[in-house]
C-alpha cells in the first residue's frame, strides 16, 4: 500500500467511525465506499469531511489504496483471553498483493 489510512482499534473488536460502531470488515467496506465516492467526485457531507480530516484522512483526492487496522481484539476470546491484539491490512486492489517465495 502506498497511501493507506491507519486506524487504531485500541484493543476493541469494533471501531466507532463517524456514525456508528463497525466490525473490521464492515469498516473496510464503509471506507472503500467513501474512497470510491471521492474518486468518482461525488460530494461528501461537510461533517464527514471534517471527521476524515480529524483522522488524518488528508487524501480527499481519491488516492487511498488501503487500510491498516491496528490492535483489534478477538471478541470471541472473552475477558480472560490471552490472545494478543491483531493488525489487519486491507488493500483495495488485488494487484497490490505480492507473494514472496
Protein backbone atom coordinates (compact mmCIF):
# COMPACT_ATOMS: atom_id res chain seq x y z
CA UNK A 1 0.00 0.00 0.00
CA UNK A 2 1.28 3.41 -0.89
CA UNK A 3 -1.43 5.56 0.65
CA UNK A 4 -3.41 3.77 3.40
CA UNK A 5 -5.44 5.21 6.23
CA UNK A 6 -4.35 3.85 9.61
CA UNK A 7 -6.83 3.26 12.43
CA UNK A 8 -6.19 2.07 15.99
CA UNK A 9 -8.90 -0.15 17.47
CA UNK A 10 -7.28 0.29 20.91
CA UNK A 11 -7.79 -3.41 21.74
CA UNK A 12 -11.51 -3.32 20.91
CA UNK A 13 -13.30 -5.60 18.46
CA UNK A 14 -15.24 -2.68 16.92
CA UNK A 15 -14.36 0.85 15.85
CA UNK A 16 -16.54 3.94 16.07
CA UNK A 17 -16.37 5.59 12.67
CA UNK A 18 -18.34 8.78 12.07
CA UNK A 19 -21.85 7.49 12.70
CA UNK A 20 -21.73 4.07 14.37
CA UNK A 21 -19.67 1.11 15.59
CA UNK A 22 -18.22 -1.16 12.91
CA UNK A 23 -16.65 -4.62 12.87
CA UNK A 24 -13.40 -4.64 10.83
CA UNK A 25 -14.89 -5.99 7.55
CA UNK A 26 -17.83 -3.59 7.70
CA UNK A 27 -15.48 -0.69 8.41
CA UNK A 28 -13.31 -1.67 5.44
CA UNK A 29 -16.40 -1.64 3.19
CA UNK A 30 -17.52 1.75 4.54
CA UNK A 31 -14.10 3.34 3.96
CA UNK A 32 -13.81 1.75 0.49
CA UNK A 33 -17.22 3.23 -0.41
CA UNK A 34 -16.11 6.68 0.78
CA UNK A 35 -12.87 6.35 -1.21
CA UNK A 36 -14.82 5.36 -4.34
CA UNK A 37 -17.17 8.31 -3.85
CA UNK A 38 -14.16 10.64 -3.69
CA UNK A 39 -12.64 9.10 -6.84
CA UNK A 40 -15.96 9.48 -8.64
CA UNK A 41 -16.14 13.10 -7.49
CA UNK A 42 -19.35 12.64 -5.50
CA UNK A 43 -19.88 15.27 -2.84
CA UNK A 44 -19.34 14.26 0.74
CA UNK A 45 -21.25 15.58 3.69
CA UNK A 46 -19.30 18.50 5.21
CA UNK A 47 -19.35 16.86 8.66
CA UNK A 48 -17.91 13.65 7.16
CA UNK A 49 -15.12 15.65 5.50
CA UNK A 50 -14.26 17.26 8.87
CA UNK A 51 -14.27 13.83 10.54
CA UNK A 52 -11.98 12.38 7.85
CA UNK A 53 -9.58 15.29 8.29
CA UNK A 54 -9.62 14.65 12.05
CA UNK A 55 -8.50 11.06 11.30
CA UNK A 56 -5.65 12.41 9.11
CA UNK A 57 -7.53 11.19 6.07
CA UNK A 58 -5.93 14.05 4.22
CA UNK A 59 -6.19 12.43 0.80
CA UNK A 60 -9.53 13.71 -0.36
CA UNK A 61 -8.30 13.44 -3.96
CA UNK A 62 -9.08 9.71 -4.10
CA UNK A 63 -5.66 8.06 -3.97
CA UNK A 64 -6.41 5.99 -0.85
CA UNK A 65 -5.40 2.41 -1.61
CA UNK A 66 -5.93 0.54 1.64
CA UNK A 67 -6.48 0.46 5.38
CA UNK A 68 -4.28 -0.57 8.27
CA UNK A 69 -6.34 -1.57 11.31
CA UNK A 70 -4.16 -1.90 14.39
CA UNK A 71 -4.80 -3.51 17.80
CA UNK A 72 -8.01 -5.38 17.03
CA UNK A 73 -9.25 -7.53 19.91
CA UNK A 74 -10.55 -11.02 19.35
CA UNK A 75 -14.02 -10.59 20.85
CA UNK A 76 -14.56 -14.35 20.83
CA UNK A 77 -11.72 -14.81 23.28
CA UNK A 78 -13.75 -13.41 26.17
CA UNK A 79 -12.47 -11.29 29.01
CA UNK A 80 -9.90 -13.89 30.09
CA UNK A 81 -8.43 -14.39 26.64
CA UNK A 82 -4.65 -14.41 26.36
CA UNK A 83 -4.74 -13.58 22.65
CA UNK A 84 -2.72 -10.56 21.62
CA UNK A 85 -4.45 -7.86 19.58
CA UNK A 86 -4.13 -8.33 15.83
CA UNK A 87 -3.44 -5.99 12.95
CA UNK A 88 -5.41 -6.25 9.70
CA UNK A 89 -4.24 -4.93 6.35
CA UNK A 90 -6.88 -4.26 3.70
CA UNK A 91 -5.93 -3.49 0.10
CA UNK A 92 -8.45 -2.09 -2.34
CA UNK A 93 -6.99 -3.82 -5.39
CA UNK A 94 -5.72 -7.40 -5.55
CA UNK A 95 -2.85 -6.19 -7.76
CA UNK A 96 -1.38 -4.69 -4.60
CA UNK A 97 -0.70 -8.15 -3.14
CA UNK A 98 2.72 -9.58 -3.81
CA UNK A 99 3.54 -13.14 -2.88
CA UNK A 100 7.12 -13.80 -1.91
CA UNK A 101 8.71 -17.23 -2.07
